[in-house]
C-alpha atoms as a PDB file:
ATOM      1  CA  UNK A   1       0.000   0.000   0.000  1.00  0.00           C
ATOM      2  CA  UNK A   2       1.224   3.512  -0.800  1.00  0.00           C
ATOM      3  CA  UNK A   3       0.131   7.052   0.001  1.00  0.00           C
ATOM      4  CA  UNK A   4       0.177  10.426  -1.760  1.00  0.00           C
ATOM      5  CA  UNK A   5       3.381  12.383  -1.121  1.00  0.00           C
ATOM      6  CA  UNK A   6       4.136  15.858  -2.454  1.00  0.00           C
ATOM      7  CA  UNK A   7       7.841  16.720  -2.584  1.00  0.00           C
ATOM      8  CA  UNK A   8       8.356  20.394  -3.480  1.00  0.00           C
ATOM      9  CA  UNK A   9      11.632  20.949  -5.312  1.00  0.00           C
ATOM     10  CA  UNK A  10      13.688  23.580  -3.526  1.00  0.00           C
ATOM     11  CA  UNK A  11      15.261  24.481  -6.875  1.00  0.00           C
ATOM     12  CA  UNK A  12      12.169  26.647  -7.415  1.00  0.00           C
ATOM     13  CA  UNK A  13      12.447  28.434  -4.064  1.00  0.00           C
ATOM     14  CA  UNK A  14      13.932  31.820  -3.228  1.00  0.00           C
ATOM     15  CA  UNK A  15      17.400  30.754  -2.093  1.00  0.00           C
ATOM     16  CA  UNK A  16      17.881  34.013  -0.200  1.00  0.00           C
ATOM     17  CA  UNK A  17      15.093  32.843   2.116  1.00  0.00           C
ATOM     18  CA  UNK A  18      15.504  29.085   1.797  1.00  0.00           C
ATOM     19  CA  UNK A  19      14.640  28.090   5.351  1.00  0.00           C
ATOM     20  CA  UNK A  20      11.493  30.212   5.426  1.00  0.00           C
ATOM     21  CA  UNK A  21      10.474  29.021   1.970  1.00  0.00           C
ATOM     22  CA  UNK A  22      10.815  25.391   3.013  1.00  0.00           C
ATOM     23  CA  UNK A  23       8.838  25.887   6.203  1.00  0.00           C
ATOM     24  CA  UNK A  24       6.119  27.594   4.158  1.00  0.00           C
ATOM     25  CA  UNK A  25       5.559  24.513   1.987  1.00  0.00           C
ATOM     26  CA  UNK A  26       5.935  22.126   4.937  1.00  0.00           C
ATOM     27  CA  UNK A  27       3.266  24.072   6.830  1.00  0.00           C
ATOM     28  CA  UNK A  28       1.149  23.870   3.644  1.00  0.00           C
ATOM     29  CA  UNK A  29       1.119  20.078   3.732  1.00  0.00           C
ATOM     30  CA  UNK A  30       4.364  18.908   2.126  1.00  0.00           C
ATOM     31  CA  UNK A  31       6.045  16.060   4.031  1.00  0.00           C
ATOM     32  CA  UNK A  32       9.117  15.798   1.767  1.00  0.00           C
ATOM     33  CA  UNK A  33      11.579  18.312   0.337  1.00  0.00           C
ATOM     34  CA  UNK A  34      13.082  17.392  -3.023  1.00  0.00           C
ATOM     35  CA  UNK A  35      16.709  18.523  -3.109  1.00  0.00           C
ATOM     36  CA  UNK A  36      18.253  18.659  -6.591  1.00  0.00           C
ATOM     37  CA  UNK A  37      22.016  18.171  -6.550  1.00  0.00           C
ATOM     38  CA  UNK A  38      23.689  18.814  -9.939  1.00  0.00           C
ATOM     39  CA  UNK A  39      27.410  18.702 -10.639  1.00  0.00           C
ATOM     40  CA  UNK A  40      27.718  20.337 -14.066  1.00  0.00           C
ATOM     41  CA  UNK A  41      28.960  17.043 -15.541  1.00  0.00           C
ATOM     42  CA  UNK A  42      26.124  14.509 -15.472  1.00  0.00           C
ATOM     43  CA  UNK A  43      23.781  17.392 -16.270  1.00  0.00           C
ATOM     44  CA  UNK A  44      24.707  20.803 -17.730  1.00  0.00           C
ATOM     45  CA  UNK A  45      23.929  22.772 -14.605  1.00  0.00           C
ATOM     46  CA  UNK A  46      25.319  23.303 -11.099  1.00  0.00           C
ATOM     47  CA  UNK A  47      23.027  23.711  -8.121  1.00  0.00           C
ATOM     48  CA  UNK A  48      23.882  23.027  -4.487  1.00  0.00           C
ATOM     49  CA  UNK A  49      25.986  20.773  -2.314  1.00  0.00           C
ATOM     50  CA  UNK A  50      26.649  19.521   1.172  1.00  0.00           C
ATOM     51  CA  UNK A  51      26.838  22.864   3.071  1.00  0.00           C
ATOM     52  CA  UNK A  52      23.328  23.852   2.008  1.00  0.00           C
ATOM     53  CA  UNK A  53      21.872  20.461   2.889  1.00  0.00           C
ATOM     54  CA  UNK A  54      23.616  20.563   6.265  1.00  0.00           C
ATOM     55  CA  UNK A  55      22.285  24.065   6.993  1.00  0.00           C
ATOM     56  CA  UNK A  56      18.793  23.143   5.857  1.00  0.00           C
ATOM     57  CA  UNK A  57      18.800  20.068   8.085  1.00  0.00           C
ATOM     58  CA  UNK A  58      19.483  22.318  11.080  1.00  0.00           C
ATOM     59  CA  UNK A  59      16.443  24.405  10.143  1.00  0.00           C
ATOM     60  CA  UNK A  60      14.193  21.473   9.219  1.00  0.00           C
ATOM     61  CA  UNK A  61      14.395  18.550  11.659  1.00  0.00           C
ATOM     62  CA  UNK A  62      13.600  14.910  10.961  1.00  0.00           C
ATOM     63  CA  UNK A  63      10.730  14.799  13.429  1.00  0.00           C
ATOM     64  CA  UNK A  64       8.266  17.121  15.066  1.00  0.00           C
ATOM     65  CA  UNK A  65       5.688  19.642  13.899  1.00  0.00           C
ATOM     66  CA  UNK A  66       7.889  21.311  11.273  1.00  0.00           C
ATOM     67  CA  UNK A  67       9.869  18.307  10.067  1.00  0.00           C
ATOM     68  CA  UNK A  68      10.472  16.993   6.554  1.00  0.00           C
ATOM     69  CA  UNK A  69      11.971  14.014   4.760  1.00  0.00           C
ATOM     70  CA  UNK A  70      15.004  15.037   2.658  1.00  0.00           C
ATOM     71  CA  UNK A  71      14.707  13.465  -0.787  1.00  0.00           C
ATOM     72  CA  UNK A  72      18.097  14.113  -2.415  1.00  0.00           C
ATOM     73  CA  UNK A  73      18.070  13.731  -6.199  1.00  0.00           C
ATOM     74  CA  UNK A  74      21.703  13.193  -7.156  1.00  0.00           C
ATOM     75  CA  UNK A  75      22.238  14.266 -10.759  1.00  0.00           C
ATOM     76  CA  UNK A  76      25.963  13.633 -10.519  1.00  0.00           C
ATOM     77  CA  UNK A  77      28.713  11.506 -12.012  1.00  0.00           C
ATOM     78  CA  UNK A  78      30.149   8.758  -9.774  1.00  0.00           C
ATOM     79  CA  UNK A  79      27.359   8.978  -7.185  1.00  0.00           C
ATOM     80  CA  UNK A  80      29.156   6.389  -5.042  1.00  0.00           C
ATOM     81  CA  UNK A  81      31.638   8.961  -3.818  1.00  0.00           C
ATOM     82  CA  UNK A  82      28.900  11.205  -2.419  1.00  0.00           C
ATOM     83  CA  UNK A  83      26.949   8.662  -0.365  1.00  0.00           C
ATOM     84  CA  UNK A  84      28.822   9.073   2.909  1.00  0.00           C
ATOM     85  CA  UNK A  85      28.863  12.882   2.676  1.00  0.00           C
ATOM     86  CA  UNK A  86      25.127  13.188   2.104  1.00  0.00           C
ATOM     87  CA  UNK A  87      24.345  10.732   4.870  1.00  0.00           C
ATOM     88  CA  UNK A  88      26.338  12.994   7.216  1.00  0.00           C
ATOM     89  CA  UNK A  89      24.540  16.079   5.864  1.00  0.00           C
ATOM     90  CA  UNK A  90      21.166  14.684   6.879  1.00  0.00           C
ATOM     91  CA  UNK A  91      19.781  13.189   3.666  1.00  0.00           C
ATOM     92  CA  UNK A  92      16.988  10.670   4.234  1.00  0.00           C
ATOM     93  CA  UNK A  93      16.895   9.288   0.709  1.00  0.00           C
ATOM     94  CA  UNK A  94      19.650   9.155  -1.907  1.00  0.00           C
ATOM     95  CA  UNK A  95      18.251   8.994  -5.447  1.00  0.00           C
ATOM     96  CA  UNK A  96      20.888   8.171  -8.045  1.00  0.00           C
ATOM     97  CA  UNK A  97      20.531   7.941 -11.803  1.00  0.00           C
ATOM     98  CA  UNK A  98      20.715   4.518 -13.396  1.00  0.00           C
ATOM     99  CA  UNK A  99      22.760   6.098 -16.191  1.00  0.00           C
ATOM    100  CA  UNK A 100      25.425   7.389 -13.784  1.00  0.00           C
ATOM    101  CA  UNK A 101      26.742   4.148 -12.303  1.00  0.00           C
ATOM    102  CA  UNK A 102      28.184   0.845 -13.514  1.00  0.00           C
ATOM    103  CA  UNK A 103      26.890  -1.219 -10.610  1.00  0.00           C
ATOM    104  CA  UNK A 104      23.503   0.038  -9.390  1.00  0.00           C
ATOM    105  CA  UNK A 105      22.859  -2.858  -7.005  1.00  0.00           C
ATOM    106  CA  UNK A 106      26.144  -2.304  -5.156  1.00  0.00           C
ATOM    107  CA  UNK A 107      25.309   1.384  -4.940  1.00  0.00           C
ATOM    108  CA  UNK A 108      21.911   0.568  -3.416  1.00  0.00           C
ATOM    109  CA  UNK A 109      23.645  -1.572  -0.794  1.00  0.00           C
ATOM    110  CA  UNK A 110      26.112   1.235  -0.054  1.00  0.00           C
ATOM    111  CA  UNK A 111      23.314   3.776   0.383  1.00  0.00           C
ATOM    112  CA  UNK A 112      21.402   1.551   2.775  1.00  0.00           C
ATOM    113  CA  UNK A 113      24.558   0.759   4.747  1.00  0.00           C
ATOM    114  CA  UNK A 114      24.713   4.488   5.548  1.00  0.00           C
ATOM    115  CA  UNK A 115      21.179   4.531   6.936  1.00  0.00           C
ATOM    116  CA  UNK A 116      19.440   6.153   3.967  1.00  0.00           C
ATOM    117  CA  UNK A 117      16.650   4.946   1.726  1.00  0.00           C
ATOM    118  CA  UNK A 118      17.766   4.098  -1.811  1.00  0.00           C
ATOM    119  CA  UNK A 119      16.035   5.234  -4.989  1.00  0.00           C
ATOM    120  CA  UNK A 120      16.893   5.051  -8.667  1.00  0.00           C
ATOM    121  CA  UNK A 121      15.954   7.527 -11.399  1.00  0.00           C
ATOM    122  CA  UNK A 122      15.779   7.073 -15.150  1.00  0.00           C
ATOM    123  CA  UNK A 123      16.035   9.753 -17.824  1.00  0.00           C
ATOM    124  CA  UNK A 124      13.336  10.082 -20.501  1.00  0.00           C
ATOM    125  CA  UNK A 125      15.486   8.193 -23.017  1.00  0.00           C
ATOM    126  CA  UNK A 126      16.148   5.221 -20.731  1.00  0.00           C
ATOM    127  CA  UNK A 127      13.784   2.240 -21.048  1.00  0.00           C
ATOM    128  CA  UNK A 128      11.860   1.351 -17.921  1.00  0.00           C
ATOM    129  CA  UNK A 129      12.837  -2.304 -18.012  1.00  0.00           C
ATOM    130  CA  UNK A 130      16.331  -1.474 -16.705  1.00  0.00           C
ATOM    131  CA  UNK A 131      14.624  -1.082 -13.304  1.00  0.00           C
ATOM    132  CA  UNK A 132      12.891  -4.455 -13.215  1.00  0.00           C
ATOM    133  CA  UNK A 133      15.745  -6.422 -11.641  1.00  0.00           C
ATOM    134  CA  UNK A 134      16.730  -3.573  -9.332  1.00  0.00           C
ATOM    135  CA  UNK A 135      13.254  -2.591  -8.134  1.00  0.00           C
ATOM    136  CA  UNK A 136      12.875  -5.238  -5.392  1.00  0.00           C
ATOM    137  CA  UNK A 137      15.913  -3.680  -3.675  1.00  0.00           C
ATOM    138  CA  UNK A 138      14.718  -0.076  -3.994  1.00  0.00           C
ATOM    139  CA  UNK A 139      12.631   2.136  -1.741  1.00  0.00           C
ATOM    140  CA  UNK A 140      11.519   4.240  -4.709  1.00  0.00           C
ATOM    141  CA  UNK A 141      11.800   4.544  -8.479  1.00  0.00           C
ATOM    142  CA  UNK A 142      11.852   7.956 -10.175  1.00  0.00           C
ATOM    143  CA  UNK A 143      10.593   8.416 -13.718  1.00  0.00           C
ATOM    144  CA  UNK A 144      11.836  11.735 -15.075  1.00  0.00           C
ATOM    145  CA  UNK A 145       9.122  13.600 -16.951  1.00  0.00           C
ATOM    146  CA  UNK A 146      11.615  16.177 -18.267  1.00  0.00           C
ATOM    147  CA  UNK A 147      15.268  16.003 -19.194  1.00  0.00           C
ATOM    148  CA  UNK A 148      17.169  16.389 -15.917  1.00  0.00           C
ATOM    149  CA  UNK A 149      19.188  19.510 -15.319  1.00  0.00           C
ATOM    150  CA  UNK A 150      16.831  22.488 -15.261  1.00  0.00           C
ATOM    151  CA  UNK A 151      13.555  23.447 -13.610  1.00  0.00           C
ATOM    152  CA  UNK A 152      10.484  24.820 -15.350  1.00  0.00           C
ATOM    153  CA  UNK A 153      10.411  22.393 -18.291  1.00  0.00           C
ATOM    154  CA  UNK A 154       7.251  21.080 -19.946  1.00  0.00           C
ATOM    155  CA  UNK A 155       5.780  17.810 -18.653  1.00  0.00           C
ATOM    156  CA  UNK A 156       6.387  14.858 -21.005  1.00  0.00           C
ATOM    157  CA  UNK A 157       3.131  12.901 -21.018  1.00  0.00           C
ATOM    158  CA  UNK A 158       4.716  10.143 -23.108  1.00  0.00           C
ATOM    159  CA  UNK A 159       6.633   9.033 -19.996  1.00  0.00           C
ATOM    160  CA  UNK A 160       3.418   7.868 -18.331  1.00  0.00           C
ATOM    161  CA  UNK A 161       3.505   4.333 -19.802  1.00  0.00           C
ATOM    162  CA  UNK A 162       6.727   3.806 -17.820  1.00  0.00           C
ATOM    163  CA  UNK A 163       4.880   4.724 -14.638  1.00  0.00           C
ATOM    164  CA  UNK A 164       1.982   2.436 -15.540  1.00  0.00           C
ATOM    165  CA  UNK A 165       4.383  -0.456 -16.147  1.00  0.00           C
ATOM    166  CA  UNK A 166       6.162   0.035 -12.829  1.00  0.00           C
ATOM    167  CA  UNK A 167       2.888   0.326 -10.897  1.00  0.00           C
ATOM    168  CA  UNK A 168       1.575  -2.874 -12.470  1.00  0.00           C
ATOM    169  CA  UNK A 169       4.753  -4.832 -11.698  1.00  0.00           C
ATOM    170  CA  UNK A 170       5.512  -3.296  -8.289  1.00  0.00           C
ATOM    171  CA  UNK A 171       2.156  -2.172  -6.868  1.00  0.00           C
ATOM    172  CA  UNK A 172       3.449  -1.322  -3.391  1.00  0.00           C
ATOM    173  CA  UNK A 173       6.572   0.627  -4.346  1.00  0.00           C
ATOM    174  CA  UNK A 174       6.885   4.391  -4.152  1.00  0.00           C
ATOM    175  CA  UNK A 175       6.928   5.714  -7.724  1.00  0.00           C
ATOM    176  CA  UNK A 176       7.986   9.317  -8.186  1.00  0.00           C
ATOM    177  CA  UNK A 177       7.588  11.649 -11.150  1.00  0.00           C
ATOM    178  CA  UNK A 178       9.661  14.792 -11.554  1.00  0.00           C
ATOM    179  CA  UNK A 179       9.270  17.586 -14.079  1.00  0.00           C
ATOM    180  CA  UNK A 180       6.477  19.906 -15.104  1.00  0.00           C
ATOM    181  CA  UNK A 181       4.017  18.743 -12.436  1.00  0.00           C
ATOM    182  CA  UNK A 182       1.197  21.054 -11.426  1.00  0.00           C
ATOM    183  CA  UNK A 183      -2.584  21.169 -11.246  1.00  0.00           C
ATOM    184  CA  UNK A 184      -2.879  20.771 -15.027  1.00  0.00           C
ATOM    185  CA  UNK A 185      -0.637  17.705 -15.336  1.00  0.00           C
ATOM    186  CA  UNK A 186      -1.175  15.904 -12.023  1.00  0.00           C
ATOM    187  CA  UNK A 187      -4.268  13.995 -13.288  1.00  0.00           C
ATOM    188  CA  UNK A 188      -2.168  12.210 -15.928  1.00  0.00           C
ATOM    189  CA  UNK A 189       0.591  11.301 -13.475  1.00  0.00           C
ATOM    190  CA  UNK A 190      -1.885  10.156 -10.831  1.00  0.00           C
ATOM    191  CA  UNK A 191      -3.869   8.035 -13.273  1.00  0.00           C
ATOM    192  CA  UNK A 192      -0.656   6.334 -14.416  1.00  0.00           C
ATOM    193  CA  UNK A 193       0.047   5.341 -10.810  1.00  0.00           C
ATOM    194  CA  UNK A 194       2.604   7.846  -9.519  1.00  0.00           C
ATOM    195  CA  UNK A 195       2.263   8.527  -5.812  1.00  0.00           C
ATOM    196  CA  UNK A 196       5.298  10.750  -5.072  1.00  0.00           C
ATOM    197  CA  UNK A 197       4.995  14.053  -6.902  1.00  0.00           C
ATOM    198  CA  UNK A 198       7.875  16.481  -7.315  1.00  0.00           C
ATOM    199  CA  UNK A 199       6.493  19.976  -7.867  1.00  0.00           C
ATOM    200  CA  UNK A 200       8.648  23.081  -8.074  1.00  0.00           C
ATOM    201  CA  UNK A 201       7.294  26.325  -9.447  1.00  0.00           C
ATOM    202  CA  UNK A 202       3.679  25.130  -9.151  1.00  0.00           C
ATOM    203  CA  UNK A 203       4.069  25.031  -5.354  1.00  0.00           C
ATOM    204  CA  UNK A 204       6.732  27.599  -4.459  1.00  0.00           C
ATOM    205  CA  UNK A 205       5.255  30.363  -6.629  1.00  0.00           C
ATOM    206  CA  UNK A 206       1.607  29.595  -5.859  1.00  0.00           C
ATOM    207  CA  UNK A 207      -0.529  32.235  -4.182  1.00  0.00           C
ATOM    208  CA  UNK A 208      -1.898  29.427  -2.010  1.00  0.00           C
ATOM    209  CA  UNK A 209       0.611  26.534  -1.781  1.00  0.00           C
ATOM    210  CA  UNK A 210      -1.667  24.627   0.604  1.00  0.00           C
ATOM    211  CA  UNK A 211      -4.467  24.581  -1.977  1.00  0.00           C
ATOM    212  CA  UNK A 212      -2.122  23.295  -4.710  1.00  0.00           C
ATOM    213  CA  UNK A 213      -0.647  20.599  -2.475  1.00  0.00           C
ATOM    214  CA  UNK A 214      -4.113  19.520  -1.294  1.00  0.00           C
ATOM    215  CA  UNK A 215      -5.377  19.319  -4.878  1.00  0.00           C
ATOM    216  CA  UNK A 216      -2.458  17.185  -6.017  1.00  0.00           C
ATOM    217  CA  UNK A 217      -2.725  14.863  -3.003  1.00  0.00           C
ATOM    218  CA  UNK A 218      -6.426  14.488  -3.718  1.00  0.00           C
ATOM    219  CA  UNK A 219      -5.839  13.489  -7.325  1.00  0.00           C
ATOM    220  CA  UNK A 220      -3.246  10.900  -6.295  1.00  0.00           C
ATOM    221  CA  UNK A 221      -5.438   9.530  -3.492  1.00  0.00           C
ATOM    222  CA  UNK A 222      -8.395   9.179  -5.847  1.00  0.00           C
ATOM    223  CA  UNK A 223      -6.419   7.104  -8.332  1.00  0.00           C
ATOM    224  CA  UNK A 224      -4.707   4.983  -5.663  1.00  0.00           C
ATOM    225  CA  UNK A 225      -8.134   4.250  -4.185  1.00  0.00           C
ATOM    226  CA  UNK A 226      -9.448   3.162  -7.587  1.00  0.00           C
ATOM    227  CA  UNK A 227      -6.524   0.720  -7.812  1.00  0.00           C
ATOM    228  CA  UNK A 228      -7.016  -0.541  -4.261  1.00  0.00           C
ATOM    229  CA  UNK A 229      -3.579   0.679  -3.249  1.00  0.00           C
ATOM    230  CA  UNK A 230      -4.225   3.642  -0.941  1.00  0.00           C
ATOM    231  CA  UNK A 231      -2.570   3.347   2.457  1.00  0.00           C
ATOM    232  CA  UNK A 232      -5.223   4.701   4.795  1.00  0.00           C
END
């Protein structure tokens, strides 16, 4: 059984007020924060690293009224070398790209040995079947609905068959979608079976983030209920 989870991407926040921005979306109903880490090599952009995650963890605890789960999306080459650092920084989940490593199963074991949940992402051009053997060892699979590297891209609806395939084969696994998600596109992602929704600009720039988050959770819950998969 799975539940709706909204993970606002801090890439869309005002970095000058990062702590306040994160607490705003947490207080609006977000339980996760999606933290995009880009190295300028695996993707053509550079974002943030360990010092920011460490500082944010001090501001946003793991438990309590204003807590959040840190979902670190590692768009980096050689992700193995960053596992220990991000565990120390306070990451709760380490999401690596299938395309970035030669031995994904060993990487999953390494991540879990450092006390984090392990997730694997695939780019739009990567076939979903590469995840079939790995999925039983994962806490989550991420289907990219844009090319990784930049925020604000248009949602790629043709990625939804990948989500449908994963949900059919692994009905109780967390399945995340990332890229172009908002009130207009959430129905397609929810119907396909995604339950973890990364939303950047649609949440952080909303006049009423709580209303957007509630709407997206509702769409996901409705579809999970229709499939008999909603964790009550």
